[in-house]
Structures are given as structure tokens and as C-alpha cells.
Amino acid sequence: MSVVGPRPHILSHTESYSQVIERFMARHRVKSGITGLSRALDYREKTRAKQDMKNRVRTDLLYIQNWSPLLNLKIIGLTAIGLLHSFQTTSMAPIDGPNATNTESLAPRG
């Protein structure tokens, strides 16, 4: 596994997607990665429709065809920005949910 590359799928998804999405297996020509162009462009959620997976495969193939160290750095940067944005969004949400009735302070007692 490398830092940047197409994200791996579980074996059952690989088998089923390879039968319905053209060139799906071409994304296996390179090592899978912890992050990738698909993830950096926000195609990381569950695929609800066939078009979602087609978009993910298309961006994976685009990455493979245009690989460069600079592209890898851009993907790492986009991933970091996405993570920071995600942390900001979740850290602003109430701990107990939007309808929380718990008003206790988080400050240490003593």
C-alpha cells in the first residue's frame, strides 16, 4: 500500500463492480493508497448509484494516467484540508446531539 493511490474495496465489491463497470479492474494496475484522487474530490461516501461508482473509477483512472509527485502532493493537501474541514464541522456540533438537554459544564470539578 502507498500513501496515494486508488482506495481499495472489499473483495465482494471488487467482484460485483468489475462485472458492471467498464475498466474497473484497470485501477488495480497500481498500489492502493491510504488516500486518493477520488477521496480528495469527495467521492468517498458509500456509492448509492452505479453512476457514483463510475465517477470514482473515472477519477482513479485519471489519477493513474496523470500520476506525478506533484499530483500526489496536491492530493495529500486536499485530503488534509478535507479532514480539517470535517473536524471543524463535527467539533461545532453539540456532544449530545441537537436536542440535548444536558447543560452540565465540561469543566473539571473540584
PDB file of N, CA and C in Angstrom:
ATOM      1  N   MET A   1       0.847  -1.170   0.000  1.00  0.00           N
ATOM      2  CA  MET A   1       0.000   0.000   0.000  1.00  0.00           C
ATOM      3  C   MET A   1       0.896   1.239   0.000  1.00  0.00           C
ATOM      4  N   SER A   2       0.432   2.261  -0.670  1.00  0.00           N
ATOM      5  CA  SER A   2       1.171   3.518  -0.700  1.00  0.00           C
ATOM      6  C   SER A   2       0.344   4.610  -0.023  1.00  0.00           C
ATOM      7  N   VAL A   3       0.904   5.796   0.090  1.00  0.00           N
ATOM      8  CA  VAL A   3       0.169   6.903   0.697  1.00  0.00           C
ATOM      9  C   VAL A   3      -0.945   7.353  -0.242  1.00  0.00           C
ATOM     10  N   VAL A   4      -0.635   7.507  -1.542  1.00  0.00           N
ATOM     11  CA  VAL A   4      -1.626   7.970  -2.513  1.00  0.00           C
ATOM     12  C   VAL A   4      -1.826   6.892  -3.577  1.00  0.00           C
ATOM     13  N   GLY A   5      -3.066   6.628  -3.885  1.00  0.00           N
ATOM     14  CA  GLY A   5      -3.430   5.650  -4.909  1.00  0.00           C
ATOM     15  C   GLY A   5      -4.910   5.375  -4.811  1.00  0.00           C
ATOM     16  N   PRO A   6      -5.456   4.595  -5.720  1.00  0.00           N
ATOM     17  CA  PRO A   6      -6.880   4.259  -5.627  1.00  0.00           C
ATOM     18  C   PRO A   6      -7.177   3.531  -4.317  1.00  0.00           C
ATOM     19  N   ARG A   7      -8.236   3.911  -3.665  1.00  0.00           N
ATOM     20  CA  ARG A   7      -8.620   3.262  -2.410  1.00  0.00           C
ATOM     21  C   ARG A   7      -9.077   1.836  -2.689  1.00  0.00           C
ATOM     22  N   PRO A   8      -8.687   0.889  -1.847  1.00  0.00           N
ATOM     23  CA  PRO A   8      -9.102  -0.497  -2.067  1.00  0.00           C
ATOM     24  C   PRO A   8     -10.567  -0.708  -1.692  1.00  0.00           C
ATOM     25  N   HIS A   9     -11.168  -1.710  -2.293  1.00  0.00           N
ATOM     26  CA  HIS A   9     -12.533  -2.117  -1.951  1.00  0.00           C
ATOM     27  C   HIS A   9     -12.479  -3.529  -1.381  1.00  0.00           C
ATOM     28  N   ILE A  10     -13.511  -3.900  -0.663  1.00  0.00           N
ATOM     29  CA  ILE A  10     -13.570  -5.271  -0.184  1.00  0.00           C
ATOM     30  C   ILE A  10     -13.769  -6.194  -1.386  1.00  0.00           C
ATOM     31  N   LEU A  11     -13.360  -7.428  -1.241  1.00  0.00           N
ATOM     32  CA  LEU A  11     -13.334  -8.375  -2.356  1.00  0.00           C
ATOM     33  C   LEU A  11     -14.700  -8.539  -3.022  1.00  0.00           C
ATOM     34  N   SER A  12     -15.764  -8.603  -2.242  1.00  0.00           N
ATOM     35  CA  SER A  12     -17.095  -8.785  -2.838  1.00  0.00           C
ATOM     36  C   SER A  12     -17.478  -7.603  -3.719  1.00  0.00           C
ATOM     37  N   HIS A  13     -17.077  -6.373  -3.314  1.00  0.00           N
ATOM     38  CA  HIS A  13     -17.359  -5.205  -4.149  1.00  0.00           C
ATOM     39  C   HIS A  13     -16.537  -5.254  -5.428  1.00  0.00           C
ATOM     40  N   THR A  14     -15.282  -5.656  -5.305  1.00  0.00           N
ATOM     41  CA  THR A  14     -14.429  -5.751  -6.488  1.00  0.00           C
ATOM     42  C   THR A  14     -15.035  -6.712  -7.498  1.00  0.00           C
ATOM     43  N   GLU A  15     -15.503  -7.843  -7.035  1.00  0.00           N
ATOM     44  CA  GLU A  15     -16.099  -8.839  -7.933  1.00  0.00           C
ATOM     45  C   GLU A  15     -17.367  -8.305  -8.595  1.00  0.00           C
ATOM     46  N   SER A  16     -18.235  -7.694  -7.825  1.00  0.00           N
ATOM     47  CA  SER A  16     -19.502  -7.232  -8.405  1.00  0.00           C
ATOM     48  C   SER A  16     -19.304  -6.001  -9.295  1.00  0.00           C
ATOM     49  N   TYR A  17     -18.483  -5.036  -8.856  1.00  0.00           N
ATOM     50  CA  TYR A  17     -18.270  -3.833  -9.663  1.00  0.00           C
ATOM     51  C   TYR A  17     -17.543  -4.148 -10.968  1.00  0.00           C
ATOM     52  N   SER A  18     -16.622  -5.114 -10.934  1.00  0.00           N
ATOM     53  CA  SER A  18     -15.869  -5.432 -12.146  1.00  0.00           C
ATOM     54  C   SER A  18     -16.774  -5.999 -13.237  1.00  0.00           C
ATOM     55  N   GLN A  19     -17.918  -6.528 -12.852  1.00  0.00           N
ATOM     56  CA  GLN A  19     -18.850  -7.087 -13.836  1.00  0.00           C
ATOM     57  C   GLN A  19     -19.780  -6.034 -14.433  1.00  0.00           C
ATOM     58  N   VAL A  20     -19.945  -4.908 -13.768  1.00  0.00           N
ATOM     59  CA  VAL A  20     -20.895  -3.909 -14.262  1.00  0.00           C
ATOM     60  C   VAL A  20     -20.265  -2.581 -14.667  1.00  0.00           C
ATOM     61  N   ILE A  21     -19.004  -2.352 -14.285  1.00  0.00           N
ATOM     62  CA  ILE A  21     -18.357  -1.086 -14.614  1.00  0.00           C
ATOM     63  C   ILE A  21     -17.145  -1.355 -15.499  1.00  0.00           C
ATOM     64  N   GLU A  22     -17.197  -0.801 -16.684  1.00  0.00           N
ATOM     65  CA  GLU A  22     -16.126  -0.979 -17.652  1.00  0.00           C
ATOM     66  C   GLU A  22     -14.807  -0.431 -17.108  1.00  0.00           C
ATOM     67  N   ARG A  23     -13.743  -1.157 -17.301  1.00  0.00           N
ATOM     68  CA  ARG A  23     -12.375  -0.786 -16.911  1.00  0.00           C
ATOM     69  C   ARG A  23     -12.179  -0.698 -15.395  1.00  0.00           C
ATOM     70  N   PHE A  24     -13.082  -1.286 -14.624  1.00  0.00           N
ATOM     71  CA  PHE A  24     -12.947  -1.245 -13.171  1.00  0.00           C
ATOM     72  C   PHE A  24     -11.625  -1.855 -12.718  1.00  0.00           C
ATOM     73  N   MET A  25     -11.240  -2.975 -13.311  1.00  0.00           N
ATOM     74  CA  MET A  25     -10.027  -3.666 -12.870  1.00  0.00           C
ATOM     75  C   MET A  25      -8.747  -2.922 -13.250  1.00  0.00           C
ATOM     76  N   ALA A  26      -8.826  -1.954 -14.158  1.00  0.00           N
ATOM     77  CA  ALA A  26      -7.635  -1.186 -14.549  1.00  0.00           C
ATOM     78  C   ALA A  26      -7.082  -0.397 -13.372  1.00  0.00           C
ATOM     79  N   ARG A  27      -7.907  -0.092 -12.401  1.00  0.00           N
ATOM     80  CA  ARG A  27      -7.441   0.665 -11.232  1.00  0.00           C
ATOM     81  C   ARG A  27      -6.530  -0.168 -10.347  1.00  0.00           C
ATOM     82  N   HIS A  28      -6.445  -1.470 -10.610  1.00  0.00           N
ATOM     83  CA  HIS A  28      -5.585  -2.354  -9.827  1.00  0.00           C
ATOM     84  C   HIS A  28      -4.176  -2.453 -10.409  1.00  0.00           C
ATOM     85  N   ARG A  29      -3.874  -1.651 -11.414  1.00  0.00           N
ATOM     86  CA  ARG A  29      -2.527  -1.664 -12.009  1.00  0.00           C
ATOM     87  C   ARG A  29      -1.510  -0.976 -11.114  1.00  0.00           C
ATOM     88  N   VAL A  30      -1.966  -0.214 -10.143  1.00  0.00           N
ATOM     89  CA  VAL A  30      -1.071   0.483  -9.222  1.00  0.00           C
ATOM     90  C   VAL A  30      -1.407   0.078  -7.791  1.00  0.00           C
ATOM     91  N   LYS A  31      -0.484   0.368  -6.888  1.00  0.00           N
ATOM     92  CA  LYS A  31      -0.738   0.071  -5.474  1.00  0.00           C
ATOM     93  C   LYS A  31      -1.905   0.907  -4.969  1.00  0.00           C
ATOM     94  N   SER A  32      -2.681   0.304  -4.107  1.00  0.00           N
ATOM     95  CA  SER A  32      -3.767   1.071  -3.484  1.00  0.00           C
ATOM     96  C   SER A  32      -3.158   2.053  -2.488  1.00  0.00           C
ATOM     97  N   GLY A  33      -3.936   3.059  -2.119  1.00  0.00           N
ATOM     98  CA  GLY A  33      -3.414   4.100  -1.254  1.00  0.00           C
ATOM     99  C   GLY A  33      -4.306   4.399  -0.064  1.00  0.00           C
ATOM    100  N   ILE A  34      -3.724   5.054   0.907  1.00  0.00           N
ATOM    101  CA  ILE A  34      -4.468   5.496   2.084  1.00  0.00           C
ATOM    102  C   ILE A  34      -5.440   6.599   1.681  1.00  0.00           C
ATOM    103  N   THR A  35      -5.019   7.451   0.759  1.00  0.00           N
ATOM    104  CA  THR A  35      -5.889   8.468   0.186  1.00  0.00           C
ATOM    105  C   THR A  35      -5.703   8.437  -1.318  1.00  0.00           C
ATOM    106  N   GLY A  36      -6.603   9.069  -2.018  1.00  0.00           N
ATOM    107  CA  GLY A  36      -6.508   9.099  -3.471  1.00  0.00           C
ATOM    108  C   GLY A  36      -7.299  10.256  -4.041  1.00  0.00           C
ATOM    109  N   LEU A  37      -7.235  10.393  -5.346  1.00  0.00           N
ATOM    110  CA  LEU A  37      -7.931  11.492  -6.005  1.00  0.00           C
ATOM    111  C   LEU A  37      -9.434  11.416  -5.761  1.00  0.00           C
ATOM    112  N   SER A  38      -9.994  10.235  -5.803  1.00  0.00           N
ATOM    113  CA  SER A  38     -11.437  10.079  -5.550  1.00  0.00           C
ATOM    114  C   SER A  38     -11.809  10.604  -4.175  1.00  0.00           C
ATOM    115  N   ARG A  39     -11.010  10.244  -3.201  1.00  0.00           N
ATOM    116  CA  ARG A  39     -11.282  10.690  -1.828  1.00  0.00           C
ATOM    117  C   ARG A  39     -11.090  12.200  -1.699  1.00  0.00           C
ATOM    118  N   ALA A  40     -10.044  12.709  -2.302  1.00  0.00           N
ATOM    119  CA  ALA A  40      -9.772  14.137  -2.225  1.00  0.00           C
ATOM    120  C   ALA A  40     -10.869  14.960  -2.897  1.00  0.00           C
ATOM    121  N   LEU A  41     -11.502  14.392  -3.923  1.00  0.00           N
ATOM    122  CA  LEU A  41     -12.583  15.091  -4.620  1.00  0.00           C
ATOM    123  C   LEU A  41     -13.949  14.755  -4.035  1.00  0.00           C
ATOM    124  N   ASP A  42     -13.955  14.072  -2.878  1.00  0.00           N
ATOM    125  CA  ASP A  42     -15.166  13.791  -2.108  1.00  0.00           C
ATOM    126  C   ASP A  42     -16.043  12.695  -2.704  1.00  0.00           C
ATOM    127  N   TYR A  43     -15.450  11.733  -3.398  1.00  0.00           N
ATOM    128  CA  TYR A  43     -16.194  10.537  -3.825  1.00  0.00           C
ATOM    129  C   TYR A  43     -15.917   9.411  -2.835  1.00  0.00           C
ATOM    130  N   ARG A  44     -15.985   9.712  -1.538  1.00  0.00           N
ATOM    131  CA  ARG A  44     -15.580   8.727  -0.549  1.00  0.00           C
ATOM    132  C   ARG A  44     -16.759   8.061   0.151  1.00  0.00           C
ATOM    133  N   GLU A  45     -17.912   8.610   0.002  1.00  0.00           N
ATOM    134  CA  GLU A  45     -19.072   8.047   0.688  1.00  0.00           C
ATOM    135  C   GLU A  45     -19.514   6.758   0.012  1.00  0.00           C
ATOM    136  N   LYS A  46     -20.442   6.077   0.635  1.00  0.00           N
ATOM    137  CA  LYS A  46     -20.995   4.871   0.025  1.00  0.00           C
ATOM    138  C   LYS A  46     -21.582   5.231  -1.331  1.00  0.00           C
ATOM    139  N   THR A  47     -21.421   4.330  -2.256  1.00  0.00           N
ATOM    140  CA  THR A  47     -21.962   4.582  -3.586  1.00  0.00           C
ATOM    141  C   THR A  47     -23.418   4.127  -3.605  1.00  0.00           C
ATOM    142  N   ARG A  48     -24.297   5.075  -3.792  1.00  0.00           N
ATOM    143  CA  ARG A  48     -25.722   4.778  -3.766  1.00  0.00           C
ATOM    144  C   ARG A  48     -26.244   4.408  -5.153  1.00  0.00           C
ATOM    145  N   ALA A  49     -25.540   4.804  -6.166  1.00  0.00           N
ATOM    146  CA  ALA A  49     -25.968   4.521  -7.537  1.00  0.00           C
ATOM    147  C   ALA A  49     -24.754   4.095  -8.352  1.00  0.00           C
ATOM    148  N   LYS A  50     -25.037   3.423  -9.451  1.00  0.00           N
ATOM    149  CA  LYS A  50     -23.970   2.962 -10.332  1.00  0.00           C
ATOM    150  C   LYS A  50     -23.127   4.138 -10.819  1.00  0.00           C
ATOM    151  N   GLN A  51     -23.741   5.284 -11.050  1.00  0.00           N
ATOM    152  CA  GLN A  51     -23.012   6.465 -11.521  1.00  0.00           C
ATOM    153  C   GLN A  51     -21.986   6.936 -10.490  1.00  0.00           C
ATOM    154  N   ASP A  52     -22.302   6.789  -9.200  1.00  0.00           N
ATOM    155  CA  ASP A  52     -21.346   7.159  -8.157  1.00  0.00           C
ATOM    156  C   ASP A  52     -20.062   6.339  -8.283  1.00  0.00           C
ATOM    157  N   MET A  53     -20.204   5.037  -8.493  1.00  0.00           N
ATOM    158  CA  MET A  53     -19.024   4.188  -8.637  1.00  0.00           C
ATOM    159  C   MET A  53     -18.310   4.482  -9.947  1.00  0.00           C
ATOM    160  N   LYS A  54     -19.055   4.780 -10.999  1.00  0.00           N
ATOM    161  CA  LYS A  54     -18.418   5.148 -12.272  1.00  0.00           C
ATOM    162  C   LYS A  54     -17.564   6.395 -12.095  1.00  0.00           C
ATOM    163  N   ASN A  55     -18.064   7.377 -11.350  1.00  0.00           N
ATOM    164  CA  ASN A  55     -17.296   8.598 -11.085  1.00  0.00           C
ATOM    165  C   ASN A  55     -16.025   8.284 -10.301  1.00  0.00           C
ATOM    166  N   ARG A  56     -16.140   7.407  -9.320  1.00  0.00           N
ATOM    167  CA  ARG A  56     -14.976   7.035  -8.518  1.00  0.00           C
ATOM    168  C   ARG A  56     -13.929   6.335  -9.391  1.00  0.00           C
ATOM    169  N   VAL A  57     -14.363   5.407 -10.219  1.00  0.00           N
ATOM    170  CA  VAL A  57     -13.437   4.685 -11.097  1.00  0.00           C
ATOM    171  C   VAL A  57     -12.817   5.647 -12.111  1.00  0.00           C
ATOM    172  N   ARG A  58     -13.625   6.541 -12.647  1.00  0.00           N
ATOM    173  CA  ARG A  58     -13.107   7.512 -13.618  1.00  0.00           C
ATOM    174  C   ARG A  58     -12.006   8.371 -13.004  1.00  0.00           C
ATOM    175  N   THR A  59     -12.198   8.837 -11.771  1.00  0.00           N
ATOM    176  CA  THR A  59     -11.156   9.652 -11.140  1.00  0.00           C
ATOM    177  C   THR A  59      -9.933   8.814 -10.777  1.00  0.00           C
ATOM    178  N   ASP A  60     -10.136   7.551 -10.403  1.00  0.00           N
ATOM    179  CA  ASP A  60      -8.987   6.672 -10.141  1.00  0.00           C
ATOM    180  C   ASP A  60      -8.155   6.480 -11.408  1.00  0.00           C
ATOM    181  N   LEU A  61      -8.816   6.262 -12.531  1.00  0.00           N
ATOM    182  CA  LEU A  61      -8.101   6.087 -13.803  1.00  0.00           C
ATOM    183  C   LEU A  61      -7.428   7.382 -14.238  1.00  0.00           C
ATOM    184  N   LEU A  62      -8.064   8.504 -13.971  1.00  0.00           N
ATOM    185  CA  LEU A  62      -7.464   9.805 -14.265  1.00  0.00           C
ATOM    186  C   LEU A  62      -6.171   9.979 -13.456  1.00  0.00           C
ATOM    187  N   TYR A  63      -6.210   9.571 -12.206  1.00  0.00           N
ATOM    188  CA  TYR A  63      -5.012   9.627 -11.368  1.00  0.00           C
ATOM    189  C   TYR A  63      -3.905   8.748 -11.961  1.00  0.00           C
ATOM    190  N   ILE A  64      -4.241   7.525 -12.327  1.00  0.00           N
ATOM    191  CA  ILE A  64      -3.241   6.600 -12.865  1.00  0.00           C
ATOM    192  C   ILE A  64      -2.609   7.163 -14.134  1.00  0.00           C
ATOM    193  N   GLN A  65      -3.411   7.726 -15.006  1.00  0.00           N
ATOM    194  CA  GLN A  65      -2.912   8.255 -16.280  1.00  0.00           C
ATOM    195  C   GLN A  65      -2.074   9.513 -16.099  1.00  0.00           C
ATOM    196  N   ASN A  66      -2.309  10.269 -15.031  1.00  0.00           N
ATOM    197  CA  ASN A  66      -1.635  11.555 -14.843  1.00  0.00           C
ATOM    198  C   ASN A  66      -0.739  11.589 -13.613  1.00  0.00           C
ATOM    199  N   TRP A  67      -0.340  10.423 -13.130  1.00  0.00           N
ATOM    200  CA  TRP A  67       0.444  10.356 -11.912  1.00  0.00           C
ATOM    201  C   TRP A  67       1.699  11.217 -12.001  1.00  0.00           C
ATOM    202  N   SER A  68       1.989  11.907 -10.920  1.00  0.00           N
ATOM    203  CA  SER A  68       3.243  12.646 -10.782  1.00  0.00           C
ATOM    204  C   SER A  68       3.440  12.931  -9.298  1.00  0.00           C
ATOM    205  N   PRO A  69       4.672  13.185  -8.884  1.00  0.00           N
ATOM    206  CA  PRO A  69       4.888  13.544  -7.475  1.00  0.00           C
ATOM    207  C   PRO A  69       4.099  14.803  -7.076  1.00  0.00           C
ATOM    208  N   LEU A  70       3.994  15.756  -7.994  1.00  0.00           N
ATOM    209  CA  LEU A  70       3.240  16.975  -7.701  1.00  0.00           C
ATOM    210  C   LEU A  70       1.750  16.671  -7.501  1.00  0.00           C
ATOM    211  N   LEU A  71       1.208  15.799  -8.332  1.00  0.00           N
ATOM    212  CA  LEU A  71      -0.201  15.409  -8.164  1.00  0.00           C
ATOM    213  C   LEU A  71      -0.395  14.732  -6.817  1.00  0.00           C
ATOM    214  N   ASN A  72       0.541  13.872  -6.422  1.00  0.00           N
ATOM    215  CA  ASN A  72       0.444  13.235  -5.104  1.00  0.00           C
ATOM    216  C   ASN A  72       0.432  14.269  -3.985  1.00  0.00           C
ATOM    217  N   LEU A  73       1.289  15.277  -4.088  1.00  0.00           N
ATOM    218  CA  LEU A  73       1.308  16.331  -3.066  1.00  0.00           C
ATOM    219  C   LEU A  73      -0.009  17.103  -3.032  1.00  0.00           C
ATOM    220  N   LYS A  74      -0.577  17.372  -4.207  1.00  0.00           N
ATOM    221  CA  LYS A  74      -1.867  18.069  -4.255  1.00  0.00           C
ATOM    222  C   LYS A  74      -2.956  17.234  -3.593  1.00  0.00           C
ATOM    223  N   ILE A  75      -2.955  15.929  -3.857  1.00  0.00           N
ATOM    224  CA  ILE A  75      -3.966  15.038  -3.276  1.00  0.00           C
ATOM    225  C   ILE A  75      -3.817  14.984  -1.761  1.00  0.00           C
ATOM    226  N   ILE A  76      -2.572  14.902  -1.282  1.00  0.00           N
ATOM    227  CA  ILE A  76      -2.336  14.895   0.166  1.00  0.00           C
ATOM    228  C   ILE A  76      -2.828  16.207   0.777  1.00  0.00           C
ATOM    229  N   GLY A  77      -2.554  17.318   0.114  1.00  0.00           N
ATOM    230  CA  GLY A  77      -3.021  18.615   0.597  1.00  0.00           C
ATOM    231  C   GLY A  77      -4.533  18.708   0.628  1.00  0.00           C
ATOM    232  N   LEU A  78      -5.190  18.270  -0.454  1.00  0.00           N
ATOM    233  CA  LEU A  78      -6.658  18.296  -0.497  1.00  0.00           C
ATOM    234  C   LEU A  78      -7.260  17.402   0.580  1.00  0.00           C
ATOM    235  N   THR A  79      -6.625  16.261   0.825  1.00  0.00           N
ATOM    236  CA  THR A  79      -7.103  15.354   1.865  1.00  0.00           C
ATOM    237  C   THR A  79      -6.978  16.012   3.236  1.00  0.00           C
ATOM    238  N   ALA A  80      -5.845  16.657   3.481  1.00  0.00           N
ATOM    239  CA  ALA A  80      -5.643  17.338   4.765  1.00  0.00           C
ATOM    240  C   ALA A  80      -6.673  18.444   4.962  1.00  0.00           C
ATOM    241  N   ILE A  81      -6.922  19.225   3.928  1.00  0.00           N
ATOM    242  CA  ILE A  81      -7.925  20.298   4.018  1.00  0.00           C
ATOM    243  C   ILE A  81      -9.309  19.705   4.294  1.00  0.00           C
ATOM    244  N   GLY A  82      -9.641  18.621   3.615  1.00  0.00           N
ATOM    245  CA  GLY A  82     -10.923  17.957   3.843  1.00  0.00           C
ATOM    246  C   GLY A  82     -11.060  17.445   5.265  1.00  0.00           C
ATOM    247  N   LEU A  83      -9.972  16.881   5.798  1.00  0.00           N
ATOM    248  CA  LEU A  83     -10.008  16.401   7.179  1.00  0.00           C
ATOM    249  C   LEU A  83     -10.181  17.554   8.163  1.00  0.00           C
ATOM    250  N   LEU A  84      -9.452  18.626   7.948  1.00  0.00           N
ATOM    251  CA  LEU A  84      -9.592  19.789   8.829  1.00  0.00           C
ATOM    252  C   LEU A  84     -11.009  20.346   8.789  1.00  0.00           C
ATOM    253  N   HIS A  85     -11.567  20.429   7.609  1.00  0.00           N
ATOM    254  CA  HIS A  85     -12.951  20.910   7.470  1.00  0.00           C
ATOM    255  C   HIS A  85     -13.909  19.973   8.194  1.00  0.00           C
ATOM    256  N   SER A  86     -13.680  18.680   8.065  1.00  0.00           N
ATOM    257  CA  SER A  86     -14.526  17.695   8.734  1.00  0.00           C
ATOM    258  C   SER A  86     -14.432  17.837  10.255  1.00  0.00           C
ATOM    259  N   PHE A  87     -13.221  18.024  10.771  1.00  0.00           N
ATOM    260  CA  PHE A  87     -13.053  18.199  12.213  1.00  0.00           C
ATOM    261  C   PHE A  87     -13.727  19.474  12.695  1.00  0.00           C
ATOM    262  N   GLN A  88     -13.624  20.542  11.932  1.00  0.00           N
ATOM    263  CA  GLN A  88     -14.263  21.801  12.309  1.00  0.00           C
ATOM    264  C   GLN A  88     -15.772  21.629  12.360  1.00  0.00           C
ATOM    265  N   THR A  89     -16.319  20.965  11.380  1.00  0.00           N
ATOM    266  CA  THR A  89     -17.768  20.778  11.299  1.00  0.00           C
ATOM    267  C   THR A  89     -18.270  19.932  12.459  1.00  0.00           C
ATOM    268  N   THR A  90     -17.574  18.839  12.758  1.00  0.00           N
ATOM    269  CA  THR A  90     -18.038  17.968  13.830  1.00  0.00           C
ATOM    270  C   THR A  90     -17.741  18.529  15.200  1.00  0.00           C
ATOM    271  N   SER A  91     -16.677  19.314  15.348  1.00  0.00           N
ATOM    272  CA  SER A  91     -16.355  19.851  16.666  1.00  0.00           C
ATOM    273  C   SER A  91     -17.327  20.952  17.078  1.00  0.00           C
ATOM    274  N   MET A  92     -18.050  21.519  16.124  1.00  0.00           N
ATOM    275  CA  MET A  92     -19.004  22.573  16.445  1.00  0.00           C
ATOM    276  C   MET A  92     -20.377  22.006  16.799  1.00  0.00           C
ATOM    277  N   ALA A  93     -20.586  20.719  16.537  1.00  0.00           N
ATOM    278  CA  ALA A  93     -21.871  20.093  16.849  1.00  0.00           C
ATOM    279  C   ALA A  93     -21.939  19.797  18.341  1.00  0.00           C
ATOM    280  N   PRO A  94     -23.135  19.882  18.931  1.00  0.00           N
ATOM    281  CA  PRO A  94     -23.284  19.546  20.350  1.00  0.00           C
ATOM    282  C   PRO A  94     -22.889  18.100  20.601  1.00  0.00           C
ATOM    283  N   ILE A  95     -22.280  17.845  21.733  1.00  0.00           N
ATOM    284  CA  ILE A  95     -21.810  16.499  22.057  1.00  0.00           C
ATOM    285  C   ILE A  95     -22.971  15.528  22.153  1.00  0.00           C
ATOM    286  N   ASP A  96     -24.063  15.953  22.754  1.00  0.00           N
ATOM    287  CA  ASP A  96     -25.204  15.060  22.957  1.00  0.00           C
ATOM    288  C   ASP A  96     -26.241  15.165  21.852  1.00  0.00           C
ATOM    289  N   GLY A  97     -25.932  15.838  20.781  1.00  0.00           N
ATOM    290  CA  GLY A  97     -26.874  15.972  19.680  1.00  0.00           C
ATOM    291  C   GLY A  97     -27.594  17.300  19.714  1.00  0.00           C
ATOM    292  N   PRO A  98     -28.363  17.585  18.675  1.00  0.00           N
ATOM    293  CA  PRO A  98     -29.004  18.893  18.558  1.00  0.00           C
ATOM    294  C   PRO A  98     -30.094  19.148  19.583  1.00  0.00           C
ATOM    295  N   ASN A  99     -30.699  18.104  20.139  1.00  0.00           N
ATOM    296  CA  ASN A  99     -31.789  18.281  21.090  1.00  0.00           C
ATOM    297  C   ASN A  99     -31.343  17.991  22.517  1.00  0.00           C
ATOM    298  N   ALA A 100     -30.082  18.212  22.802  1.00  0.00           N
ATOM    299  CA  ALA A 100     -29.529  17.869  24.109  1.00  0.00           C
ATOM    300  C   ALA A 100     -30.147  18.717  25.207  1.00  0.00           C
ATOM    301  N   THR A 101     -30.406  18.070  26.331  1.00  0.00           N
ATOM    302  CA  THR A 101     -30.929  18.787  27.487  1.00  0.00           C
ATOM    303  C   THR A 101     -29.894  18.847  28.592  1.00  0.00           C
ATOM    304  N   ASN A 102     -28.775  18.180  28.400  1.00  0.00           N
ATOM    305  CA  ASN A 102     -27.706  18.154  29.386  1.00  0.00           C
ATOM    306  C   ASN A 102     -26.967  19.483  29.356  1.00  0.00           C
ATOM    307  N   THR A 103     -27.013  20.230  30.459  1.00  0.00           N
ATOM    308  CA  THR A 103     -26.378  21.551  30.491  1.00  0.00           C
ATOM    309  C   THR A 103     -25.181  21.582  31.420  1.00  0.00           C
ATOM    310  N   GLU A 104     -24.698  20.396  31.839  1.00  0.00           N
ATOM    311  CA  GLU A 104     -23.548  20.358  32.735  1.00  0.00           C
ATOM    312  C   GLU A 104     -22.321  20.899  32.029  1.00  0.00           C
ATOM    313  N   SER A 105     -21.493  21.566  32.786  1.00  0.00           N
ATOM    314  CA  SER A 105     -20.245  22.116  32.245  1.00  0.00           C
ATOM    315  C   SER A 105     -19.245  20.984  32.033  1.00  0.00           C
ATOM    316  N   LEU A 106     -18.401  21.146  31.031  1.00  0.00           N
ATOM    317  CA  LEU A 106     -17.361  20.180  30.776  1.00  0.00           C
ATOM    318  C   LEU A 106     -16.103  20.481  31.606  1.00  0.00           C
ATOM    319  N   ALA A 107     -16.160  21.577  32.384  1.00  0.00           N
ATOM    320  CA  ALA A 107     -15.013  21.956  33.211  1.00  0.00           C
ATOM    321  C   ALA A 107     -14.841  20.942  34.332  1.00  0.00           C
ATOM    322  N   PRO A 108     -13.587  20.693  34.721  1.00  0.00           N
ATOM    323  CA  PRO A 108     -13.341  19.729  35.811  1.00  0.00           C
ATOM    324  C   PRO A 108     -13.926  20.238  37.119  1.00  0.00           C
ATOM    325  N   ARG A 109     -14.428  19.306  37.877  1.00  0.00           N
ATOM    326  CA  ARG A 109     -14.983  19.662  39.188  1.00  0.00           C
ATOM    327  C   ARG A 109     -13.901  19.631  40.238  1.00  0.00           C
ATOM    328  N   GLY A 110     -14.069  20.423  41.207  1.00  0.00           N
ATOM    329  CA  GLY A 110     -13.092  20.317  42.277  1.00  0.00           C
ATOM    330  C   GLY A 110     -12.848  21.530  42.953  1.00  0.00           C
TER     331      GLY A 110
END
